[in-house]
Structures are given as C-alpha cells and as structure tokens.
C-alpha atoms as a PDB file:
ATOM      1  CA  UNK A   1     188.468  -1.443  18.132  1.00  0.00           C
ATOM      2  CA  UNK A   2     186.042   1.395  17.691  1.00  0.00           C
ATOM      3  CA  UNK A   3     186.419   5.002  15.288  1.00  0.00           C
ATOM      4  CA  UNK A   4     187.548   7.908  16.799  1.00  0.00           C
ATOM      5  CA  UNK A   5     184.395  10.396  15.350  1.00  0.00           C
ATOM      6  CA  UNK A   6     187.111  11.892  12.733  1.00  0.00           C
ATOM      7  CA  UNK A   7     187.578   8.695  11.318  1.00  0.00           C
ATOM      8  CA  UNK A   8     183.976   8.266  11.260  1.00  0.00           C
ATOM      9  CA  UNK A   9     183.222  11.607   9.670  1.00  0.00           C
ATOM     10  CA  UNK A  10     186.300  10.846   7.035  1.00  0.00           C
ATOM     11  CA  UNK A  11     184.798   7.668   6.004  1.00  0.00           C
ATOM     12  CA  UNK A  12     181.614   8.799   5.428  1.00  0.00           C
ATOM     13  CA  UNK A  13     182.682  11.748   4.024  1.00  0.00           C
ATOM     14  CA  UNK A  14     184.555   8.992   1.301  1.00  0.00           C
ATOM     15  CA  UNK A  15     181.743   7.803   0.800  1.00  0.00           C
ATOM     16  CA  UNK A  16     179.625  10.466  -0.184  1.00  0.00           C
ATOM     17  CA  UNK A  17     182.417  10.930  -2.629  1.00  0.00           C
ATOM     18  CA  UNK A  18     180.922   7.775  -4.219  1.00  0.00           C
ATOM     19  CA  UNK A  19     178.220   7.990  -4.633  1.00  0.00           C
ATOM     20  CA  UNK A  20     178.761  10.417  -8.316  1.00  0.00           C
ATOM     21  CA  UNK A  21     180.178   7.374  -9.902  1.00  0.00           C
ATOM     22  CA  UNK A  22     176.626   5.021  -8.442  1.00  0.00           C
ATOM     23  CA  UNK A  23     175.001   7.043  -9.285  1.00  0.00           C
ATOM     24  CA  UNK A  24     176.298   7.268 -12.885  1.00  0.00           C
ATOM     25  CA  UNK A  25     176.604   3.353 -12.764  1.00  0.00           C
ATOM     26  CA  UNK A  26     172.913   3.542 -11.551  1.00  0.00           C
ATOM     27  CA  UNK A  27     172.198   5.024 -14.356  1.00  0.00           C
ATOM     28  CA  UNK A  28     174.017   3.697 -16.397  1.00  0.00           C
ATOM     29  CA  UNK A  29     172.519   0.398 -15.637  1.00  0.00           C
ATOM     30  CA  UNK A  30     168.871   2.471 -15.815  1.00  0.00           C
ATOM     31  CA  UNK A  31     169.616   2.666 -19.578  1.00  0.00           C
ATOM     32  CA  UNK A  32     170.677  -0.808 -19.761  1.00  0.00           C
ATOM     33  CA  UNK A  33     167.174  -1.391 -18.578  1.00  0.00           C
ATOM     34  CA  UNK A  34     165.982   0.517 -20.827  1.00  0.00           C
ATOM     35  CA  UNK A  35     167.743  -1.165 -23.399  1.00  0.00           C
ATOM     36  CA  UNK A  36     166.624  -4.848 -22.674  1.00  0.00           C
ATOM     37  CA  UNK A  37     170.503  -5.709 -21.426  1.00  0.00           C
ATOM     38  CA  UNK A  38     170.212  -9.009 -20.668  1.00  0.00           C
ATOM     39  CA  UNK A  39     173.089  -8.515 -18.010  1.00  0.00           C
ATOM     40  CA  UNK A  40     171.701  -4.915 -17.150  1.00  0.00           C
ATOM     41  CA  UNK A  41     169.168  -7.159 -14.811  1.00  0.00           C
ATOM     42  CA  UNK A  42     171.886  -9.221 -12.390  1.00  0.00           C
ATOM     43  CA  UNK A  43     174.151  -5.213 -12.146  1.00  0.00           C
ATOM     44  CA  UNK A  44     170.842  -3.264 -11.406  1.00  0.00           C
ATOM     45  CA  UNK A  45     170.400  -6.639  -8.185  1.00  0.00           C
ATOM     46  CA  UNK A  46     173.855  -6.192  -7.458  1.00  0.00           C
ATOM     47  CA  UNK A  47     173.856  -1.988  -7.247  1.00  0.00           C
ATOM     48  CA  UNK A  48     171.124  -2.845  -4.706  1.00  0.00           C
ATOM     49  CA  UNK A  49     172.611  -4.756  -2.791  1.00  0.00           C
ATOM     50  CA  UNK A  50     175.849  -3.093  -2.625  1.00  0.00           C
ATOM     51  CA  UNK A  51     173.834   0.008  -1.294  1.00  0.00           C
ATOM     52  CA  UNK A  52     171.968  -2.012   0.942  1.00  0.00           C
ATOM     53  CA  UNK A  53     174.439  -2.559   2.179  1.00  0.00           C
ATOM     54  CA  UNK A  54     176.897   0.666   2.705  1.00  0.00           C
ATOM     55  CA  UNK A  55     174.170   3.433   2.926  1.00  0.00           C
ATOM     56  CA  UNK A  56     172.903   2.818   7.041  1.00  0.00           C
ATOM     57  CA  UNK A  57     175.775   1.996   7.935  1.00  0.00           C
ATOM     58  CA  UNK A  58     176.677   5.553   6.735  1.00  0.00           C
ATOM     59  CA  UNK A  59     173.711   7.635   8.216  1.00  0.00           C
ATOM     60  CA  UNK A  60     171.907   6.713   5.765  1.00  0.00           C
ATOM     61  CA  UNK A  61     168.825   4.011   5.899  1.00  0.00           C
ATOM     62  CA  UNK A  62     167.042   5.603   3.401  1.00  0.00           C
ATOM     63  CA  UNK A  63     170.045   4.802   0.752  1.00  0.00           C
ATOM     64  CA  UNK A  64     170.060   1.147   2.345  1.00  0.00           C
ATOM     65  CA  UNK A  65     166.309   0.266   1.901  1.00  0.00           C
ATOM     66  CA  UNK A  66     166.570   1.326  -1.070  1.00  0.00           C
ATOM     67  CA  UNK A  67     168.754  -0.645  -2.073  1.00  0.00           C
ATOM     68  CA  UNK A  68     167.370  -3.744  -0.143  1.00  0.00           C
ATOM     69  CA  UNK A  69     163.964  -2.796  -2.054  1.00  0.00           C
ATOM     70  CA  UNK A  70     165.652  -3.090  -5.454  1.00  0.00           C
ATOM     71  CA  UNK A  71     167.821  -6.475  -5.030  1.00  0.00           C
ATOM     72  CA  UNK A  72     164.756  -8.395  -3.736  1.00  0.00           C
ATOM     73  CA  UNK A  73     162.817  -6.766  -6.383  1.00  0.00           C
ATOM     74  CA  UNK A  74     159.970  -9.103  -8.401  1.00  0.00           C
ATOM     75  CA  UNK A  75     161.616  -9.209 -11.957  1.00  0.00           C
ATOM     76  CA  UNK A  76     157.857  -6.724 -13.437  1.00  0.00           C
ATOM     77  CA  UNK A  77     158.583  -4.409 -10.085  1.00  0.00           C
ATOM     78  CA  UNK A  78     162.249  -3.305 -10.943  1.00  0.00           C
ATOM     79  CA  UNK A  79     162.785  -0.153 -13.253  1.00  0.00           C
ATOM     80  CA  UNK A  80     159.906   0.935  -9.654  1.00  0.00           C
ATOM     81  CA  UNK A  81     162.938  -0.130  -7.024  1.00  0.00           C
ATOM     82  CA  UNK A  82     165.770   1.622  -9.946  1.00  0.00           C
ATOM     83  CA  UNK A  83     164.244   4.320 -10.650  1.00  0.00           C
ATOM     84  CA  UNK A  84     163.526   4.600  -6.346  1.00  0.00           C
ATOM     85  CA  UNK A  85     167.155   4.537  -5.733  1.00  0.00           C
ATOM     86  CA  UNK A  86     167.966   6.470  -8.593  1.00  0.00           C
ATOM     87  CA  UNK A  87     166.065   9.095  -7.003  1.00  0.00           C
ATOM     88  CA  UNK A  88     167.145   8.603  -3.368  1.00  0.00           C
ATOM     89  CA  UNK A  89     171.584   7.990  -4.341  1.00  0.00           C
ATOM     90  CA  UNK A  90     170.698  12.148  -6.202  1.00  0.00           C
ATOM     91  CA  UNK A  91     169.273  13.553  -3.171  1.00  0.00           C
ATOM     92  CA  UNK A  92     172.078  12.548  -0.685  1.00  0.00           C
ATOM     93  CA  UNK A  93     174.198  13.869  -4.273  1.00  0.00           C
ATOM     94  CA  UNK A  94     172.890  17.107  -4.215  1.00  0.00           C
ATOM     95  CA  UNK A  95     172.269  17.466  -0.565  1.00  0.00           C
ATOM     96  CA  UNK A  96     176.455  17.282  -0.999  1.00  0.00           C
ATOM     97  CA  UNK A  97     176.817  19.135  -3.487  1.00  0.00           C
ATOM     98  CA  UNK A  98     175.360  21.895  -1.565  1.00  0.00           C
ATOM     99  CA  UNK A  99     176.635  21.634   1.901  1.00  0.00           C
ATOM    100  CA  UNK A 100     179.790  22.145  -0.597  1.00  0.00           C
ATOM    101  CA  UNK A 101     178.851  25.510  -1.609  1.00  0.00           C
ATOM    102  CA  UNK A 102     178.149  27.074   1.054  1.00  0.00           C
ATOM    103  CA  UNK A 103     181.230  25.650   2.896  1.00  0.00           C
ATOM    104  CA  UNK A 104     183.392  26.909   0.525  1.00  0.00           C
ATOM    105  CA  UNK A 105     180.780  31.010   0.712  1.00  0.00           C
END
C-alpha cells in the first residue's frame, strides 16, 4: 500500500518538527563529549544511527549521510562527525522556521 502525497507531506512535516528536539539532544551529547561522559560516544552513535535511517526517507539525504558518518566514525573523528551532523540538522530546522514565518505573512 502506498501513501498519498498528502500523507507523505504530513509525515515529513512531523519529522521536521521533531528535528528541533533532536538538535537539542545532539547539542547535549556534544556537551557530554566535552565533559568526557562515559556513555556520550554511544549516545552520539545512536543519534547518528537514527538520523541515518530516517533522513533520506523524508527527503533529507544529507541527514542520512552525516548520521551514518557519525554512527561509523572512529573515536578520533567522532566530534567532527557530530559537528557536521549538528550543522546539517540546524540548516533543516532553520529552513523550516523560515518557511513557517513566510507562510504566516
């Protein structure tokens, strides 16, 4: 069974709305990495895995790419991979906020 365009648009909008919360979690994990929290690496990889699986499905292949890179990054490359994913998520969230403001006009 295939979803209608309207249903896909609703799911995509819900995904984008949820990205603000994921952005906060990514920022929190970034702070935990700075503080050398013992489980921060696992949290970062989990968040990367989640976005690698969903980003492309909702039309954001860059989120999938950066999520996968974070998930698989060697320990020494974890922070740069997390920063790249943070940047990609911020761009999507900022764009969604801009579009919402323009729609309100």
